[in-house]
Amino acid sequence: MTADAEVPAPFVQALRALRDRRLRGEVRLTEVPAPARIAPYSVALSAEVVAGAGDPDEDELASGRFVLLHDPAGQEAWDGTFRAVTLVRATLEPDMGADPLLCEAAWTWVTDALAELPVAHRALGGTVTRVVSQSFGTLADRPSQVEVEIRASWTAEGDLGEHLAAWATLLCTAAGLPPVPEGVTALGRRR
């Protein structure tokens, strides 16, 4: 991007909304390089969810990326001018890997998070991938591991900070954190 005067006002408002949106303490956001070829304007955020907000030694429970794309002319496939493109990765309990409905359940995490949005969204699409890893030979002592990867995108409207919050809710759900009502702060785990 060039000078701020050339950046469309709706994208500047979107950046402010993302910056001002408060998320759960367990979600640690970092701005990362955004894709440059998909849309004229974009911003990307990477996140990690850790148990015990504020404790740098806590394990990562989930990670992901939130990319907000803006094309003032709109794109036909988006049916709008803003598109949220998201990724969530989480390690799950090993017994969940055998559940034939795991992918469907993970997709409901997406739809449930978006259903809570007080602003509009449409053209939702995505995939859920389950990976079950089992070790053999000299690595046979390692426990089996189940990972889920959720990719979702939707056309975003209204306060774009709300879309970031919906994605953060999805991230925390995948991490296995219980929901926290508005205005309540979750306590860290006891040691």
Protein backbone atom coordinates (compact mmCIF):
# COMPACT_ATOMS: atom_id res chain seq x y z
CA MET A 1 0.00 0.00 0.00
CA THR A 2 1.05 3.56 -0.54
CA ALA A 3 0.12 6.74 1.31
CA ASP A 4 -2.83 6.60 3.73
CA ALA A 5 -4.74 9.14 1.59
CA GLU A 6 -4.96 6.47 -1.13
CA VAL A 7 -6.26 3.73 1.15
CA PRO A 8 -10.06 3.53 0.90
CA ALA A 9 -11.91 4.74 3.98
CA PRO A 10 -13.77 1.42 4.47
CA PHE A 11 -10.43 -0.43 4.71
CA VAL A 12 -9.04 2.14 7.16
CA GLN A 13 -12.20 1.67 9.27
CA ALA A 14 -11.73 -2.10 9.08
CA LEU A 15 -8.14 -1.82 10.30
CA ARG A 16 -9.28 0.32 13.24
CA ALA A 17 -12.04 -2.16 14.09
CA LEU A 18 -9.55 -5.05 14.09
CA ARG A 19 -7.06 -3.10 16.19
CA ASP A 20 -9.67 -2.02 18.74
CA ARG A 21 -11.37 -5.41 19.14
CA ARG A 22 -10.60 -7.03 22.51
CA LEU A 23 -10.25 -10.80 22.54
CA ARG A 24 -9.85 -13.36 25.30
CA GLY A 25 -6.55 -13.19 27.14
CA GLU A 26 -5.60 -16.67 25.94
CA VAL A 27 -5.50 -15.45 22.32
CA ARG A 28 -2.18 -13.88 21.33
CA LEU A 29 -2.32 -11.96 18.04
CA THR A 30 0.56 -10.94 15.81
CA GLU A 31 0.37 -9.08 12.51
CA VAL A 32 2.05 -11.04 9.72
CA PRO A 33 2.62 -10.32 6.02
CA ALA A 34 -0.65 -10.39 4.11
CA PRO A 35 -1.18 -11.87 0.65
CA ALA A 36 -0.67 -9.20 -2.00
CA ARG A 37 -2.17 -10.75 -5.13
CA ILE A 38 -5.65 -11.76 -4.04
CA ALA A 39 -7.03 -8.28 -3.36
CA PRO A 40 -5.78 -4.68 -3.59
CA TYR A 41 -5.87 -4.32 0.21
CA SER A 42 -5.32 -6.95 2.87
CA VAL A 43 -4.21 -7.49 6.43
CA ALA A 44 -3.22 -10.76 8.11
CA LEU A 45 -3.08 -11.74 11.74
CA SER A 46 -1.59 -14.88 13.23
CA ALA A 47 -2.77 -16.18 16.60
CA GLU A 48 -1.91 -18.72 19.21
CA VAL A 49 -4.20 -19.85 21.98
CA VAL A 50 -2.43 -20.72 25.20
CA ALA A 51 -3.79 -22.05 28.46
CA GLY A 52 -3.26 -19.50 31.17
CA ALA A 53 -3.29 -16.01 29.76
CA GLY A 54 -0.14 -14.11 30.56
CA ASP A 55 2.01 -17.16 31.28
CA PRO A 56 4.67 -17.44 28.53
CA ASP A 57 5.50 -21.03 29.54
CA GLU A 58 2.01 -22.39 28.85
CA ASP A 59 1.47 -24.84 26.00
CA GLU A 60 -0.06 -23.75 22.72
CA LEU A 61 -3.53 -25.26 22.40
CA ALA A 62 -4.38 -23.99 18.91
CA SER A 63 -3.07 -21.64 16.26
CA GLY A 64 -4.37 -19.97 13.17
CA ARG A 65 -4.50 -17.10 10.78
CA PHE A 66 -7.12 -14.44 10.01
CA VAL A 67 -6.80 -12.60 6.70
CA LEU A 68 -9.09 -9.75 5.76
CA LEU A 69 -9.20 -8.96 2.05
CA HIS A 70 -10.70 -5.79 0.56
CA ASP A 71 -11.46 -5.07 -3.06
CA PRO A 72 -13.35 -1.76 -3.42
CA ALA A 73 -14.71 -2.98 -6.78
CA GLY A 74 -15.90 -6.22 -5.20
CA GLN A 75 -15.33 -9.71 -6.51
CA GLU A 76 -18.11 -11.83 -7.96
CA ALA A 77 -17.20 -14.93 -5.93
CA TRP A 78 -17.28 -12.88 -2.72
CA ASP A 79 -20.60 -11.17 -3.35
CA GLY A 80 -19.16 -8.14 -1.56
CA THR A 81 -16.05 -6.04 -1.00
CA PHE A 82 -14.61 -7.69 2.15
CA ARG A 83 -13.67 -11.35 2.56
CA ALA A 84 -12.45 -13.02 5.76
CA VAL A 85 -10.18 -16.00 5.07
CA THR A 86 -9.32 -18.07 8.12
CA LEU A 87 -7.32 -21.05 9.26
CA VAL A 88 -7.45 -22.87 12.60
CA ARG A 89 -5.21 -25.76 13.69
CA ALA A 90 -5.54 -27.65 16.95
CA THR A 91 -4.36 -30.88 18.52
CA LEU A 92 -7.24 -32.89 19.95
CA GLU A 93 -7.58 -35.77 22.37
CA PRO A 94 -6.49 -39.04 20.66
CA ASP A 95 -9.89 -40.71 21.11
CA MET A 96 -11.49 -37.96 19.00
CA GLY A 97 -9.56 -39.19 15.96
CA ALA A 98 -11.78 -42.25 15.70
CA ASP A 99 -15.00 -40.24 15.80
CA PRO A 100 -16.53 -40.41 12.30
CA LEU A 101 -18.34 -37.13 12.94
CA LEU A 102 -15.26 -35.13 13.94
CA CYS A 103 -15.15 -33.09 10.73
CA GLU A 104 -18.87 -32.33 10.86
CA ALA A 105 -18.57 -31.32 14.52
CA ALA A 106 -15.62 -29.05 13.75
CA TRP A 107 -17.61 -27.36 10.97
CA THR A 108 -20.40 -26.64 13.48
CA TRP A 109 -17.80 -24.75 15.52
CA VAL A 110 -17.49 -22.43 12.51
CA THR A 111 -21.22 -22.01 11.95
CA ASP A 112 -21.88 -21.56 15.68
CA ALA A 113 -19.21 -18.85 15.99
CA LEU A 114 -20.64 -17.00 12.99
CA ALA A 115 -24.22 -17.42 14.24
CA GLU A 116 -23.25 -15.29 17.24
CA LEU A 117 -22.20 -12.39 15.00
CA PRO A 118 -24.30 -9.26 15.46
CA VAL A 119 -23.38 -8.27 11.88
CA ALA A 120 -23.98 -9.87 8.49
CA HIS A 121 -21.94 -12.52 6.74
CA ARG A 122 -22.63 -14.65 3.67
CA ALA A 123 -21.05 -16.95 1.08
CA LEU A 124 -19.51 -19.18 3.76
CA GLY A 125 -17.35 -22.03 2.54
CA GLY A 126 -14.51 -24.16 3.82
CA THR A 127 -12.96 -27.50 4.64
CA VAL A 128 -12.12 -29.51 7.73
CA THR A 129 -9.15 -31.91 7.68
CA ARG A 130 -8.42 -34.53 10.32
CA VAL A 131 -4.92 -35.98 10.64
CA VAL A 132 -4.25 -38.99 12.85
CA SER A 133 -0.56 -39.73 13.48
CA GLN A 134 0.61 -43.01 14.95
CA SER A 135 4.29 -43.70 15.60
CA PHE A 136 6.14 -46.98 14.95
CA GLY A 137 9.55 -48.58 15.44
CA THR A 138 11.89 -46.57 17.64
CA LEU A 139 9.14 -43.93 17.95
CA ALA A 140 6.46 -46.40 19.07
CA ASP A 141 6.45 -44.97 22.61
CA ARG A 142 5.01 -41.69 21.36
CA PRO A 143 1.27 -41.41 21.89
CA SER A 144 -1.05 -41.12 18.90
CA GLN A 145 -1.83 -37.56 17.92
CA VAL A 146 -4.96 -36.10 16.33
CA GLU A 147 -4.95 -32.72 14.65
CA VAL A 148 -7.78 -30.83 13.05
CA GLU A 149 -7.38 -28.06 10.49
CA ILE A 150 -10.32 -25.82 9.70
CA ARG A 151 -10.23 -23.50 6.70
CA ALA A 152 -13.18 -21.16 6.28
CA SER A 153 -13.93 -17.98 4.41
CA TRP A 154 -16.94 -15.70 4.27
CA THR A 155 -17.99 -12.32 2.97
CA ALA A 156 -17.90 -9.90 5.89
CA GLU A 157 -20.05 -6.84 6.52
CA GLY A 158 -20.53 -4.34 9.32
CA ASP A 159 -18.04 -4.01 12.18
CA LEU A 160 -15.15 -6.16 10.96
CA GLY A 161 -13.82 -6.46 14.50
CA GLU A 162 -16.85 -8.68 15.16
CA HIS A 163 -15.66 -11.05 12.44
CA LEU A 164 -12.24 -11.23 14.12
CA ALA A 165 -14.01 -12.03 17.40
CA ALA A 166 -16.01 -14.82 15.74
CA TRP A 167 -12.79 -16.33 14.40
CA ALA A 168 -11.20 -16.04 17.87
CA THR A 169 -14.22 -17.89 19.30
CA LEU A 170 -13.67 -20.64 16.73
CA LEU A 171 -9.99 -20.77 17.66
CA CYS A 172 -10.79 -21.09 21.38
CA THR A 173 -13.44 -23.75 20.73
CA ALA A 174 -10.94 -25.81 18.73
CA ALA A 175 -8.47 -25.36 21.60
CA GLY A 176 -11.03 -26.85 23.99
CA LEU A 177 -11.54 -23.70 26.04
CA PRO A 178 -15.00 -23.23 27.54
CA PRO A 179 -17.04 -20.23 26.36
CA VAL A 180 -16.72 -17.08 28.43
CA PRO A 181 -19.73 -14.72 28.63
CA GLU A 182 -19.25 -11.08 27.58
CA GLY A 183 -17.63 -9.04 30.36
CA VAL A 184 -16.26 -12.09 32.22
CA THR A 185 -12.55 -12.85 32.39
CA ALA A 186 -11.43 -16.48 32.45
CA LEU A 187 -9.09 -17.47 35.25
CA GLY A 188 -5.89 -19.25 34.34
CA ARG A 189 -5.35 -22.92 35.16
CA ARG A 190 -4.18 -23.79 38.66
CA ARG A 191 -0.77 -25.37 39.01
